Structures are given as structure tokens and as C-alpha cells.
Full PDB file with SEQRES, HELIX, SHEET, SSBOND, CRYST1, ORIGX, SCALE, CONECT and MASTER records, all heavy atoms in Angstrom:
SEQRES   1 A   43  TYR ASP SER ILE SER TYR ASP LYS GLY GLY ILE THR TYR          
SEQRES   2 A   43  LEU LYS GLY ILE PHE GLU ARG GLY LYS ALA ILE VAL LYS          
SEQRES   3 A   43  PHE LYS GLU GLY GLY GLU ALA ILE ALA LEU VAL LYS LYS          
SEQRES   4 A   43  TYR LYS ARG THR                                              
HELIX    1 AA1 LYS A    8  GLY A   10  5                                   3    
SHEET    1 AA1 4 ASP A   2  TYR A   6  0                                        
SHEET    2 AA1 4 ILE A  11  PHE A  18 -1                                        
SHEET    3 AA1 4 GLY A  21  LYS A  28 -1                                        
SHEET    4 AA1 4 ALA A  33  LYS A  39 -1                                        
CRYST1    1.000    1.000    1.000  90.00  90.00  90.00 P 1           1          
ORIGX1      1.000000  0.000000  0.000000        0.00000                         
ORIGX2      0.000000  1.000000  0.000000        0.00000                         
ORIGX3      0.000000  0.000000  1.000000        0.00000                         
SCALE1      1.000000  0.000000  0.000000        0.00000                         
SCALE2      0.000000  1.000000  0.000000        0.00000                         
SCALE3      0.000000  0.000000  1.000000        0.00000                         
ATOM      1  N   TYR A   1       3.004   9.353   1.351  1.00  0.00           N  
ATOM      2  CA  TYR A   1       2.104   8.215   1.505  1.00  0.00           C  
ATOM      3  C   TYR A   1       0.909   8.591   2.368  1.00  0.00           C  
ATOM      4  O   TYR A   1       0.954   9.554   3.133  1.00  0.00           O  
ATOM      5  CB  TYR A   1       2.833   7.003   2.071  1.00  0.00           C  
ATOM      6  CG  TYR A   1       2.955   6.972   3.577  1.00  0.00           C  
ATOM      7  CD1 TYR A   1       2.064   6.234   4.330  1.00  0.00           C  
ATOM      8  CD2 TYR A   1       3.952   7.671   4.242  1.00  0.00           C  
ATOM      9  CE1 TYR A   1       2.158   6.194   5.712  1.00  0.00           C  
ATOM     10  CE2 TYR A   1       4.060   7.635   5.606  1.00  0.00           C  
ATOM     11  CZ  TYR A   1       3.155   6.899   6.340  1.00  0.00           C  
ATOM     12  OH  TYR A   1       3.248   6.868   7.698  1.00  0.00           O  
ATOM     13  N   ASP A   2      -0.168   7.831   2.200  1.00  0.00           N  
ATOM     14  CA  ASP A   2      -1.383   7.969   3.006  1.00  0.00           C  
ATOM     15  C   ASP A   2      -1.726   6.596   3.561  1.00  0.00           C  
ATOM     16  O   ASP A   2      -1.422   5.579   2.940  1.00  0.00           O  
ATOM     17  CB  ASP A   2      -2.561   8.457   2.159  1.00  0.00           C  
ATOM     18  CG  ASP A   2      -2.361   9.872   1.645  1.00  0.00           C  
ATOM     19  OD1 ASP A   2      -1.835  10.696   2.407  1.00  0.00           O  
ATOM     20  OD2 ASP A   2      -2.746  10.136   0.488  1.00  0.00           O  
ATOM     21  N   SER A   3      -2.389   6.581   4.710  1.00  0.00           N  
ATOM     22  CA  SER A   3      -2.815   5.295   5.270  1.00  0.00           C  
ATOM     23  C   SER A   3      -4.229   5.402   5.814  1.00  0.00           C  
ATOM     24  O   SER A   3      -4.646   6.455   6.297  1.00  0.00           O  
ATOM     25  CB  SER A   3      -1.864   4.829   6.375  1.00  0.00           C  
ATOM     26  OG  SER A   3      -2.052   5.581   7.535  1.00  0.00           O  
ATOM     27  N   ILE A   4      -4.955   4.307   5.697  1.00  0.00           N  
ATOM     28  CA  ILE A   4      -6.314   4.191   6.230  1.00  0.00           C  
ATOM     29  C   ILE A   4      -6.382   2.876   6.988  1.00  0.00           C  
ATOM     30  O   ILE A   4      -6.028   1.834   6.451  1.00  0.00           O  
ATOM     31  CB  ILE A   4      -7.362   4.194   5.096  1.00  0.00           C  
ATOM     32  CG1 ILE A   4      -7.297   5.490   4.308  1.00  0.00           C  
ATOM     33  CG2 ILE A   4      -8.753   3.989   5.659  1.00  0.00           C  
ATOM     34  CD1 ILE A   4      -8.151   5.496   3.073  1.00  0.00           C  
ATOM     35  N   SER A   5      -6.842   2.932   8.229  1.00  0.00           N  
ATOM     36  CA  SER A   5      -6.968   1.729   9.053  1.00  0.00           C  
ATOM     37  C   SER A   5      -8.432   1.450   9.352  1.00  0.00           C  
ATOM     38  O   SER A   5      -9.206   2.374   9.602  1.00  0.00           O  
ATOM     39  CB  SER A   5      -6.225   1.900  10.374  1.00  0.00           C  
ATOM     40  OG  SER A   5      -4.861   2.067  10.154  1.00  0.00           O  
ATOM     41  N   TYR A   6      -8.787   0.180   9.313  1.00  0.00           N  
ATOM     42  CA  TYR A   6     -10.128  -0.253   9.657  1.00  0.00           C  
ATOM     43  C   TYR A   6     -10.043  -1.131  10.894  1.00  0.00           C  
ATOM     44  O   TYR A   6      -9.259  -2.064  10.945  1.00  0.00           O  
ATOM     45  CB  TYR A   6     -10.762  -1.035   8.503  1.00  0.00           C  
ATOM     46  CG  TYR A   6     -11.033  -0.178   7.298  1.00  0.00           C  
ATOM     47  CD1 TYR A   6     -10.188  -0.223   6.196  1.00  0.00           C  
ATOM     48  CD2 TYR A   6     -12.113   0.679   7.268  1.00  0.00           C  
ATOM     49  CE1 TYR A   6     -10.433   0.573   5.089  1.00  0.00           C  
ATOM     50  CE2 TYR A   6     -12.365   1.471   6.168  1.00  0.00           C  
ATOM     51  CZ  TYR A   6     -11.523   1.415   5.080  1.00  0.00           C  
ATOM     52  OH  TYR A   6     -11.753   2.207   3.996  1.00  0.00           O  
ATOM     53  N   ASP A   7     -10.864  -0.835  11.907  1.00  0.00           N  
ATOM     54  CA  ASP A   7     -10.867  -1.611  13.139  1.00  0.00           C  
ATOM     55  C   ASP A   7     -11.344  -3.034  12.910  1.00  0.00           C  
ATOM     56  O   ASP A   7     -10.863  -3.978  13.510  1.00  0.00           O  
ATOM     57  CB  ASP A   7     -11.738  -0.941  14.201  1.00  0.00           C  
ATOM     58  CG  ASP A   7     -11.136   0.356  14.684  1.00  0.00           C  
ATOM     59  OD1 ASP A   7      -9.899   0.485  14.631  1.00  0.00           O  
ATOM     60  OD2 ASP A   7     -11.897   1.244  15.110  1.00  0.00           O  
ATOM     61  N   LYS A   8     -12.300  -3.197  12.019  1.00  0.00           N  
ATOM     62  CA  LYS A   8     -12.850  -4.518  11.747  1.00  0.00           C  
ATOM     63  C   LYS A   8     -11.814  -5.349  10.991  1.00  0.00           C  
ATOM     64  O   LYS A   8     -11.477  -5.059   9.850  1.00  0.00           O  
ATOM     65  CB  LYS A   8     -14.125  -4.399  10.918  1.00  0.00           C  
ATOM     66  CG  LYS A   8     -14.849  -5.700  10.736  1.00  0.00           C  
ATOM     67  CD  LYS A   8     -16.153  -5.493   9.993  1.00  0.00           C  
ATOM     68  CE  LYS A   8     -16.880  -6.801   9.855  1.00  0.00           C  
ATOM     69  NZ  LYS A   8     -18.136  -6.635   9.134  1.00  0.00           N  
ATOM     70  N   GLY A   9     -11.270  -6.344  11.648  1.00  0.00           N  
ATOM     71  CA  GLY A   9     -10.282  -7.209  11.024  1.00  0.00           C  
ATOM     72  C   GLY A   9      -8.854  -6.696  11.110  1.00  0.00           C  
ATOM     73  O   GLY A   9      -7.927  -7.384  10.730  1.00  0.00           O  
ATOM     74  N   GLY A  10      -8.638  -5.482  11.581  1.00  0.00           N  
ATOM     75  CA  GLY A  10      -7.294  -4.932  11.719  1.00  0.00           C  
ATOM     76  C   GLY A  10      -6.570  -4.734  10.397  1.00  0.00           C  
ATOM     77  O   GLY A  10      -5.356  -4.865  10.316  1.00  0.00           O  
ATOM     78  N   ILE A  11      -7.306  -4.395   9.349  1.00  0.00           N  
ATOM     79  CA  ILE A  11      -6.716  -4.228   8.024  1.00  0.00           C  
ATOM     80  C   ILE A  11      -6.335  -2.767   7.801  1.00  0.00           C  
ATOM     81  O   ILE A  11      -7.084  -1.861   8.152  1.00  0.00           O  
ATOM     82  CB  ILE A  11      -7.698  -4.695   6.930  1.00  0.00           C  
ATOM     83  CG1 ILE A  11      -7.940  -6.196   7.079  1.00  0.00           C  
ATOM     84  CG2 ILE A  11      -7.179  -4.373   5.540  1.00  0.00           C  
ATOM     85  CD1 ILE A  11      -9.015  -6.740   6.177  1.00  0.00           C  
ATOM     86  N   THR A  12      -5.168  -2.548   7.215  1.00  0.00           N  
ATOM     87  CA  THR A  12      -4.680  -1.210   6.902  1.00  0.00           C  
ATOM     88  C   THR A  12      -4.356  -1.122   5.417  1.00  0.00           C  
ATOM     89  O   THR A  12      -3.801  -2.051   4.844  1.00  0.00           O  
ATOM     90  CB  THR A  12      -3.415  -0.890   7.722  1.00  0.00           C  
ATOM     91  OG1 THR A  12      -3.708  -1.050   9.111  1.00  0.00           O  
ATOM     92  CG2 THR A  12      -2.925   0.515   7.475  1.00  0.00           C  
ATOM     93  N   TYR A  13      -4.704   0.007   4.816  1.00  0.00           N  
ATOM     94  CA  TYR A  13      -4.377   0.279   3.419  1.00  0.00           C  
ATOM     95  C   TYR A  13      -3.349   1.400   3.363  1.00  0.00           C  
ATOM     96  O   TYR A  13      -3.495   2.402   4.054  1.00  0.00           O  
ATOM     97  CB  TYR A  13      -5.624   0.714   2.643  1.00  0.00           C  
ATOM     98  CG  TYR A  13      -6.634  -0.373   2.425  1.00  0.00           C  
ATOM     99  CD1 TYR A  13      -7.634  -0.611   3.357  1.00  0.00           C  
ATOM    100  CD2 TYR A  13      -6.594  -1.164   1.292  1.00  0.00           C  
ATOM    101  CE1 TYR A  13      -8.569  -1.612   3.158  1.00  0.00           C  
ATOM    102  CE2 TYR A  13      -7.522  -2.170   1.084  1.00  0.00           C  
ATOM    103  CZ  TYR A  13      -8.503  -2.383   2.018  1.00  0.00           C  
ATOM    104  OH  TYR A  13      -9.426  -3.376   1.817  1.00  0.00           O  
ATOM    105  N   LEU A  14      -2.333   1.234   2.538  1.00  0.00           N  
ATOM    106  CA  LEU A  14      -1.317   2.263   2.322  1.00  0.00           C  
ATOM    107  C   LEU A  14      -1.260   2.602   0.841  1.00  0.00           C  
ATOM    108  O   LEU A  14      -1.355   1.712   0.000  1.00  0.00           O  
ATOM    109  CB  LEU A  14       0.068   1.764   2.745  1.00  0.00           C  
ATOM    110  CG  LEU A  14       0.276   1.332   4.179  1.00  0.00           C  
ATOM    111  CD1 LEU A  14       1.671   0.755   4.337  1.00  0.00           C  
ATOM    112  CD2 LEU A  14       0.093   2.505   5.103  1.00  0.00           C  
ATOM    113  N   LYS A  15      -1.102   3.870   0.544  1.00  0.00           N  
ATOM    114  CA  LYS A  15      -0.884   4.306  -0.837  1.00  0.00           C  
ATOM    115  C   LYS A  15       0.398   5.120  -0.841  1.00  0.00           C  
ATOM    116  O   LYS A  15       0.471   6.170  -0.204  1.00  0.00           O  
ATOM    117  CB  LYS A  15      -2.055   5.145  -1.334  1.00  0.00           C  
ATOM    118  CG  LYS A  15      -1.879   5.589  -2.765  1.00  0.00           C  
ATOM    119  CD  LYS A  15      -3.087   6.368  -3.245  1.00  0.00           C  
ATOM    120  CE  LYS A  15      -2.889   6.785  -4.690  1.00  0.00           C  
ATOM    121  NZ  LYS A  15      -4.008   7.592  -5.167  1.00  0.00           N  
ATOM    122  N   GLY A  16       1.413   4.623  -1.522  1.00  0.00           N  
ATOM    123  CA  GLY A  16       2.708   5.290  -1.554  1.00  0.00           C  
ATOM    124  C   GLY A  16       3.053   5.786  -2.947  1.00  0.00           C  
ATOM    125  O   GLY A  16       2.826   5.090  -3.931  1.00  0.00           O  
ATOM    126  N   ILE A  17       3.598   6.999  -3.015  1.00  0.00           N  
ATOM    127  CA  ILE A  17       4.074   7.582  -4.268  1.00  0.00           C  
ATOM    128  C   ILE A  17       5.594   7.618  -4.185  1.00  0.00           C  
ATOM    129  O   ILE A  17       6.166   8.165  -3.247  1.00  0.00           O  
ATOM    130  CB  ILE A  17       3.527   9.016  -4.459  1.00  0.00           C  
ATOM    131  CG1 ILE A  17       2.008   9.049  -4.331  1.00  0.00           C  
ATOM    132  CG2 ILE A  17       3.992   9.601  -5.792  1.00  0.00           C  
ATOM    133  CD1 ILE A  17       1.249   8.313  -5.390  1.00  0.00           C  
ATOM    134  N   PHE A  18       6.244   7.038  -5.184  1.00  0.00           N  
ATOM    135  CA  PHE A  18       7.700   6.945  -5.234  1.00  0.00           C  
ATOM    136  C   PHE A  18       8.229   7.707  -6.447  1.00  0.00           C  
ATOM    137  O   PHE A  18       7.453   8.161  -7.282  1.00  0.00           O  
ATOM    138  CB  PHE A  18       8.138   5.475  -5.335  1.00  0.00           C  
ATOM    139  CG  PHE A  18       7.655   4.625  -4.209  1.00  0.00           C  
ATOM    140  CD1 PHE A  18       6.444   3.956  -4.287  1.00  0.00           C  
ATOM    141  CD2 PHE A  18       8.409   4.492  -3.058  1.00  0.00           C  
ATOM    142  CE1 PHE A  18       5.990   3.164  -3.246  1.00  0.00           C  
ATOM    143  CE2 PHE A  18       7.965   3.708  -2.007  1.00  0.00           C  
ATOM    144  CZ  PHE A  18       6.749   3.041  -2.099  1.00  0.00           C  
ATOM    145  N   GLU A  19       9.547   7.805  -6.558  1.00  0.00           N  
ATOM    146  CA  GLU A  19      10.158   8.470  -7.707  1.00  0.00           C  
ATOM    147  C   GLU A  19       9.843   7.761  -9.016  1.00  0.00           C  
ATOM    148  O   GLU A  19       9.660   8.406 -10.040  1.00  0.00           O  
ATOM    149  CB  GLU A  19      11.679   8.527  -7.545  1.00  0.00           C  
ATOM    150  CG  GLU A  19      12.152   9.465  -6.480  1.00  0.00           C  
ATOM    151  CD  GLU A  19      13.651   9.427  -6.307  1.00  0.00           C  
ATOM    152  OE1 GLU A  19      14.262   8.381  -6.559  1.00  0.00           O  
ATOM    153  OE2 GLU A  19      14.200  10.470  -5.925  1.00  0.00           O  
ATOM    154  N   ARG A  20       9.783   6.445  -9.004  1.00  0.00           N  
ATOM    155  CA  ARG A  20       9.605   5.679 -10.238  1.00  0.00           C  
ATOM    156  C   ARG A  20       8.307   4.877 -10.289  1.00  0.00           C  
ATOM    157  O   ARG A  20       8.206   3.943 -11.074  1.00  0.00           O  
ATOM    158  CB  ARG A  20      10.790   4.739 -10.430  1.00  0.00           C  
ATOM    159  CG  ARG A  20      12.080   5.463 -10.629  1.00  0.00           C  
ATOM    160  CD  ARG A  20      13.228   4.499 -10.867  1.00  0.00           C  
ATOM    161  NE  ARG A  20      14.476   5.182 -10.665  1.00  0.00           N  
ATOM    162  CZ  ARG A  20      15.214   5.111  -9.573  1.00  0.00           C  
ATOM    163  NH1 ARG A  20      14.835   4.359  -8.578  1.00  0.00           N  
ATOM    164  NH2 ARG A  20      16.332   5.780  -9.475  1.00  0.00           N  
ATOM    165  N   GLY A  21       7.334   5.222  -9.451  1.00  0.00           N  
ATOM    166  CA  GLY A  21       6.078   4.489  -9.494  1.00  0.00           C  
ATOM    167  C   GLY A  21       5.222   4.728  -8.270  1.00  0.00           C  
ATOM    168  O   GLY A  21       5.484   5.622  -7.476  1.00  0.00           O  
ATOM    169  N   LYS A  22       4.188   3.894  -8.131  1.00  0.00           N  
ATOM    170  CA  LYS A  22       3.312   3.992  -6.971  1.00  0.00           C  
ATOM    171  C   LYS A  22       2.874   2.599  -6.557  1.00  0.00           C  
ATOM    172  O   LYS A  22       2.947   1.652  -7.346  1.00  0.00           O  
ATOM    173  CB  LYS A  22       2.099   4.873  -7.272  1.00  0.00           C  
ATOM    174  CG  LYS A  22       1.221   4.388  -8.390  1.00  0.00           C  
ATOM    175  CD  LYS A  22       0.108   5.391  -8.655  1.00  0.00           C  
ATOM    176  CE  LYS A  22      -0.723   4.987  -9.846  1.00  0.00           C  
ATOM    177  NZ  LYS A  22      -1.795   5.927 -10.114  1.00  0.00           N  
ATOM    178  N   ALA A  23       2.425   2.481  -5.315  1.00  0.00           N  
ATOM    179  CA  ALA A  23       2.007   1.186  -4.785  1.00  0.00           C  
ATOM    180  C   ALA A  23       0.828   1.367  -3.845  1.00  0.00           C  
ATOM    181  O   ALA A  23       0.765   2.340  -3.096  1.00  0.00           O  
ATOM    182  CB  ALA A  23       3.158   0.519  -4.048  1.00  0.00           C  
ATOM    183  N   ILE A  24      -0.088   0.425  -3.908  1.00  0.00           N  
ATOM    184  CA  ILE A  24      -1.190   0.348  -2.957  1.00  0.00           C  
ATOM    185  C   ILE A  24      -1.021  -0.979  -2.217  1.00  0.00           C  
ATOM    186  O   ILE A  24      -0.929  -2.030  -2.847  1.00  0.00           O  
ATOM    187  CB  ILE A  24      -2.546   0.396  -3.672  1.00  0.00           C  
ATOM    188  CG1 ILE A  24      -2.698   1.721  -4.419  1.00  0.00           C  
ATOM    189  CG2 ILE A  24      -3.686   0.209  -2.666  1.00  0.00           C  
ATOM    190  CD1 ILE A  24      -3.913   1.793  -5.293  1.00  0.00           C  
ATOM    191  N   VAL A  25      -0.959  -0.909  -0.895  1.00  0.00           N  
ATOM    192  CA  VAL A  25      -0.687  -2.093  -0.073  1.00  0.00           C  
ATOM    193  C   VAL A  25      -1.842  -2.310   0.900  1.00  0.00           C  
ATOM    194  O   VAL A  25      -2.298  -1.380   1.554  1.00  0.00           O  
ATOM    195  CB  VAL A  25       0.635  -1.925   0.723  1.00  0.00           C  
ATOM    196  CG1 VAL A  25       0.923  -3.174   1.544  1.00  0.00           C  
ATOM    197  CG2 VAL A  25       1.795  -1.603  -0.194  1.00  0.00           C  
ATOM    198  N   LYS A  26      -2.305  -3.540   0.983  1.00  0.00           N  
ATOM    199  CA  LYS A  26      -3.325  -3.941   1.959  1.00  0.00           C  
ATOM    200  C   LYS A  26      -2.654  -4.966   2.862  1.00  0.00           C  
ATOM    201  O   LYS A  26      -2.123  -5.959   2.377  1.00  0.00           O  
ATOM    202  CB  LYS A  26      -4.517  -4.560   1.245  1.00  0.00           C  
ATOM    203  CG  LYS A  26      -5.583  -5.092   2.165  1.00  0.00           C  
ATOM    204  CD  LYS A  26      -6.690  -5.748   1.367  1.00  0.00           C  
ATOM    205  CE  LYS A  26      -7.705  -6.400   2.261  1.00  0.00           C  
ATOM    206  NZ  LYS A  26      -8.739  -7.106   1.484  1.00  0.00           N  
ATOM    207  N   PHE A  27      -2.659  -4.712   4.175  1.00  0.00           N  
ATOM    208  CA  PHE A  27      -1.963  -5.638   5.069  1.00  0.00           C  
ATOM    209  C   PHE A  27      -2.624  -5.717   6.429  1.00  0.00           C  
ATOM    210  O   PHE A  27      -3.430  -4.879   6.806  1.00  0.00           O  
ATOM    211  CB  PHE A  27      -0.498  -5.237   5.219  1.00  0.00           C  
ATOM    212  CG  PHE A  27      -0.274  -4.010   6.060  1.00  0.00           C  
ATOM    213  CD1 PHE A  27       0.007  -4.127   7.413  1.00  0.00           C  
ATOM    214  CD2 PHE A  27      -0.330  -2.753   5.497  1.00  0.00           C  
ATOM    215  CE1 PHE A  27       0.220  -3.006   8.190  1.00  0.00           C  
ATOM    216  CE2 PHE A  27      -0.121  -1.625   6.268  1.00  0.00           C  
ATOM    217  CZ  PHE A  27       0.149  -1.741   7.605  1.00  0.00           C  
ATOM    218  N   LYS A  28      -2.229  -6.758   7.144  1.00  0.00           N  
ATOM    219  CA  LYS A  28      -2.621  -6.977   8.529  1.00  0.00           C  
ATOM    220  C   LYS A  28      -1.316  -7.113   9.305  1.00  0.00           C  
ATOM    221  O   LYS A  28      -0.412  -7.839   8.871  1.00  0.00           O  
ATOM    222  CB  LYS A  28      -3.447  -8.253   8.631  1.00  0.00           C  
ATOM    223  CG  LYS A  28      -4.187  -8.415   9.893  1.00  0.00           C  
ATOM    224  CD  LYS A  28      -5.123  -9.600   9.780  1.00  0.00           C  
ATOM    225  CE  LYS A  28      -6.102  -9.590  10.920  1.00  0.00           C  
ATOM    226  NZ  LYS A  28      -7.030 -10.690  10.835  1.00  0.00           N  
ATOM    227  N   GLU A  29      -1.182  -6.408  10.427  1.00  0.00           N  
ATOM    228  CA  GLU A  29       0.066  -6.431  11.186  1.00  0.00           C  
ATOM    229  C   GLU A  29       0.468  -7.847  11.562  1.00  0.00           C  
ATOM    230  O   GLU A  29      -0.313  -8.590  12.141  1.00  0.00           O  
ATOM    231  CB  GLU A  29      -0.060  -5.584  12.452  1.00  0.00           C  
ATOM    232  CG  GLU A  29      -0.090  -4.117  12.174  1.00  0.00           C  
ATOM    233  CD  GLU A  29      -0.128  -3.291  13.431  1.00  0.00           C  
ATOM    234  OE1 GLU A  29       0.193  -3.812  14.514  1.00  0.00           O  
ATOM    235  OE2 GLU A  29      -0.488  -2.118  13.334  1.00  0.00           O  
ATOM    236  N   GLY A  30       1.689  -8.229  11.215  1.00  0.00           N  
ATOM    237  CA  GLY A  30       2.199  -9.550  11.526  1.00  0.00           C  
ATOM    238  C   GLY A  30       1.551 -10.650  10.701  1.00  0.00           C  
ATOM    239  O   GLY A  30       1.598 -11.818  11.075  1.00  0.00           O  
ATOM    240  N   GLY A  31       0.957 -10.284   9.576  1.00  0.00           N  
ATOM    241  CA  GLY A  31       0.270 -11.269   8.747  1.00  0.00           C  
ATOM    242  C   GLY A  31       0.591 -11.089   7.271  1.00  0.00           C  
ATOM    243  O   GLY A  31       1.662 -10.639   6.905  1.00  0.00           O  
ATOM    244  N   GLU A  32      -0.368 -11.437   6.445  1.00  0.00           N  
ATOM    245  CA  GLU A  32      -0.166 -11.360   5.011  1.00  0.00           C  
ATOM    246  C   GLU A  32      -0.409  -9.951   4.493  1.00  0.00           C  
ATOM    247  O   GLU A  32      -1.174  -9.185   5.066  1.00  0.00           O  
ATOM    248  CB  GLU A  32      -1.110 -12.316   4.290  1.00  0.00           C  
ATOM    249  CG  GLU A  32      -0.854 -13.764   4.607  1.00  0.00           C  
ATOM    250  CD  GLU A  32      -1.876 -14.683   3.963  1.00  0.00           C  
ATOM    251  OE1 GLU A  32      -2.939 -14.208   3.534  1.00  0.00           O  
ATOM    252  OE2 GLU A  32      -1.602 -15.883   3.905  1.00  0.00           O  
ATOM    253  N   ALA A  33       0.245  -9.642   3.370  1.00  0.00           N  
ATOM    254  CA  ALA A  33       0.066  -8.355   2.711  1.00  0.00           C  
ATOM    255  C   ALA A  33       0.042  -8.570   1.208  1.00  0.00           C  
ATOM    256  O   ALA A  33       0.644  -9.518   0.702  1.00  0.00           O  
ATOM    257  CB  ALA A  33       1.199  -7.415   3.080  1.00  0.00           C  
ATOM    258  N   ILE A  34      -0.659  -7.685   0.519  1.00  0.00           N  
ATOM    259  CA  ILE A  34      -0.695  -7.725  -0.931  1.00  0.00           C  
ATOM    260  C   ILE A  34      -0.478  -6.299  -1.438  1.00  0.00           C  
ATOM    261  O   ILE A  34      -1.032  -5.350  -0.888  1.00  0.00           O  
ATOM    262  CB  ILE A  34      -2.015  -8.327  -1.459  1.00  0.00           C  
ATOM    263  CG1 ILE A  34      -1.966  -8.482  -2.968  1.00  0.00           C  
ATOM    264  CG2 ILE A  34      -3.204  -7.519  -1.022  1.00  0.00           C  
ATOM    265  CD1 ILE A  34      -3.065  -9.345  -3.531  1.00  0.00           C  
ATOM    266  N   ALA A  35       0.356  -6.163  -2.459  1.00  0.00           N  
ATOM    267  CA  ALA A  35       0.660  -4.847  -3.016  1.00  0.00           C  
ATOM    268  C   ALA A  35       0.389  -4.851  -4.511  1.00  0.00           C  
ATOM    269  O   ALA A  35       0.742  -5.797  -5.214  1.00  0.00           O  
ATOM    270  CB  ALA A  35       2.118  -4.490  -2.754  1.00  0.00           C  
ATOM    271  N   LEU A  36      -0.233  -3.789  -4.974  1.00  0.00           N  
ATOM    272  CA  LEU A  36      -0.416  -3.552  -6.398  1.00  0.00           C  
ATOM    273  C   LEU A  36       0.557  -2.439  -6.767  1.00  0.00           C  
ATOM    274  O   LEU A  36       0.476  -1.335  -6.232  1.00  0.00           O  
ATOM    275  CB  LEU A  36      -1.857  -3.133  -6.701  1.00  0.00           C  
ATOM    276  CG  LEU A  36      -2.176  -2.808  -8.146  1.00  0.00           C  
ATOM    277  CD1 LEU A  36      -1.993  -4.042  -9.029  1.00  0.00           C  
ATOM    278  CD2 LEU A  36      -3.594  -2.281  -8.270  1.00  0.00           C  
ATOM    279  N   VAL A  37       1.500  -2.747  -7.664  1.00  0.00           N  
ATOM    280  CA  VAL A  37       2.591  -1.827  -7.985  1.00  0.00           C  
ATOM    281  C   VAL A  37       2.494  -1.395  -9.443  1.00  0.00           C  
ATOM    282  O   VAL A  37       2.302  -2.227 -10.325  1.00  0.00           O  
ATOM    283  CB  VAL A  37       3.960  -2.501  -7.727  1.00  0.00           C  
ATOM    284  CG1 VAL A  37       5.103  -1.562  -8.079  1.00  0.00           C  
ATOM    285  CG2 VAL A  37       4.061  -2.958  -6.286  1.00  0.00           C  
ATOM    286  N   LYS A  38       2.655  -0.088  -9.686  1.00  0.00           N  
ATOM    287  CA  LYS A  38       2.688   0.437 -11.042  1.00  0.00           C  
ATOM    288  C   LYS A  38       3.952   1.266 -11.195  1.00  0.00           C  
ATOM    289  O   LYS A  38       4.161   2.219 -10.459  1.00  0.00           O  
ATOM    290  CB  LYS A  38       1.470   1.307 -11.333  1.00  0.00           C  
ATOM    291  CG  LYS A  38       1.492   1.883 -12.739  1.00  0.00           C  
ATOM    292  CD  LYS A  38       0.192   2.530 -13.078  1.00  0.00           C  
ATOM    293  CE  LYS A  38       0.045   3.147 -14.414  1.00  0.00           C  
ATOM    294  NZ  LYS A  38       0.968   3.046 -15.431  1.00  0.00           N  
ATOM    295  N   LYS A  39       4.798   0.896 -12.147  1.00  0.00           N  
ATOM    296  CA  LYS A  39       6.026   1.636 -12.412  1.00  0.00           C  
ATOM    297  C   LYS A  39       5.776   2.663 -13.499  1.00  0.00           C  
ATOM    298  O   LYS A  39       5.042   2.410 -14.446  1.00  0.00           O  
ATOM    299  CB  LYS A  39       7.144   0.689 -12.848  1.00  0.00           C  
ATOM    300  CG  LYS A  39       7.670  -0.156 -11.705  1.00  0.00           C  
ATOM    301  CD  LYS A  39       8.890  -0.925 -12.104  1.00  0.00           C  
ATOM    302  CE  LYS A  39      10.091  -0.020 -12.061  1.00  0.00           C  
ATOM    303  NZ  LYS A  39      11.353  -0.713 -12.239  1.00  0.00           N  
ATOM    304  N   TYR A  40       6.393   3.843 -13.329  1.00  0.00           N  
ATOM    305  CA  TYR A  40       6.305   4.886 -14.340  1.00  0.00           C  
ATOM    306  C   TYR A  40       7.342   4.628 -15.420  1.00  0.00           C  
ATOM    307  O   TYR A  40       8.380   4.027 -15.159  1.00  0.00           O  
ATOM    308  CB  TYR A  40       6.571   6.258 -13.734  1.00  0.00           C  
ATOM    309  CG  TYR A  40       5.609   6.685 -12.662  1.00  0.00           C  
ATOM    310  CD1 TYR A  40       6.049   7.377 -11.554  1.00  0.00           C  
ATOM    311  CD2 TYR A  40       4.250   6.409 -12.757  1.00  0.00           C  
ATOM    312  CE1 TYR A  40       5.178   7.795 -10.573  1.00  0.00           C  
ATOM    313  CE2 TYR A  40       3.376   6.818 -11.777  1.00  0.00           C  
ATOM    314  CZ  TYR A  40       3.845   7.515 -10.691  1.00  0.00           C  
ATOM    315  OH  TYR A  40       2.980   7.913  -9.711  1.00  0.00           O  
ATOM    316  N   LYS A  41       7.074   5.136 -16.613  1.00  0.00           N  
ATOM    317  CA  LYS A  41       8.054   5.023 -17.696  1.00  0.00           C  
ATOM    318  C   LYS A  41       9.191   6.006 -17.486  1.00  0.00           C  
ATOM    319  O   LYS A  41      10.312   5.754 -17.873  1.00  0.00           O  
ATOM    320  CB  LYS A  41       7.377   5.266 -19.043  1.00  0.00           C  
ATOM    321  CG  LYS A  41       6.399   4.168 -19.403  1.00  0.00           C  
ATOM    322  CD  LYS A  41       5.765   4.415 -20.733  1.00  0.00           C  
ATOM    323  CE  LYS A  41       4.761   3.310 -21.020  1.00  0.00           C  
ATOM    324  NZ  LYS A  41       4.069   3.506 -22.271  1.00  0.00           N  
ATOM    325  N   ARG A  42       8.889   7.142 -16.863  1.00  0.00           N  
ATOM    326  CA  ARG A  42       9.899   8.157 -16.579  1.00  0.00           C  
ATOM    327  C   ARG A  42      10.030   8.349 -15.074  1.00  0.00           C  
ATOM    328  O   ARG A  42       9.109   8.063 -14.325  1.00  0.00           O  
ATOM    329  CB  ARG A  42       9.506   9.485 -17.197  1.00  0.00           C  
ATOM    330  CG  ARG A  42       9.488   9.465 -18.681  1.00  0.00           C  
ATOM    331  CD  ARG A  42       9.113  10.822 -19.158  1.00  0.00           C  
ATOM    332  NE  ARG A  42       9.778  11.083 -20.412  1.00  0.00           N  
ATOM    333  CZ  ARG A  42       9.679  12.205 -21.063  1.00  0.00           C  
ATOM    334  NH1 ARG A  42       8.949  13.186 -20.569  1.00  0.00           N  
ATOM    335  NH2 ARG A  42      10.301  12.382 -22.204  1.00  0.00           N  
ATOM    336  N   THR A  43      11.143   8.880 -14.655  1.00  0.00           N  
ATOM    337  CA  THR A  43      11.367   9.160 -13.238  1.00  0.00           C  
ATOM    338  C   THR A  43      10.638  10.433 -12.857  1.00  0.00           C  
ATOM    339  O   THR A  43      10.717  11.440 -13.550  1.00  0.00           O  
ATOM    340  CB  THR A  43      12.873   9.314 -12.948  1.00  0.00           C  
ATOM    341  OG1 THR A  43      13.517   8.117 -13.326  1.00  0.00           O  
ATOM    342  CG2 THR A  43      13.122   9.588 -11.485  1.00  0.00           C  
TER     343      THR A  43                                                      
MASTER        0    0    0    1    4    0    0    6  342    1    0    4          
END                                                                             
């Protein structure tokens, strides 16, 4: 995974690679988060 943090607004972006897919997550600590998830057809 990789992460990028922005001081303005305290927003962090995460990009994770998994065995069966990948996800991009935008979140604020102790607040709301949104994830865009893509599953692979193969492992």
C-alpha cells in the first residue's frame, strides 16, 4: 500500500493492492471515509 497525506483538511489517501483486488480510500482520522474497490476476476 501507499499513502499520501494533505495538511489542509487532514485528508489522507490510501491505495492498497490485495490478492483479489485493489482499493483507493480517502479518509479523515476519526471521521468519514470513502473507498473505491475493484475486484479482480482471478487471484
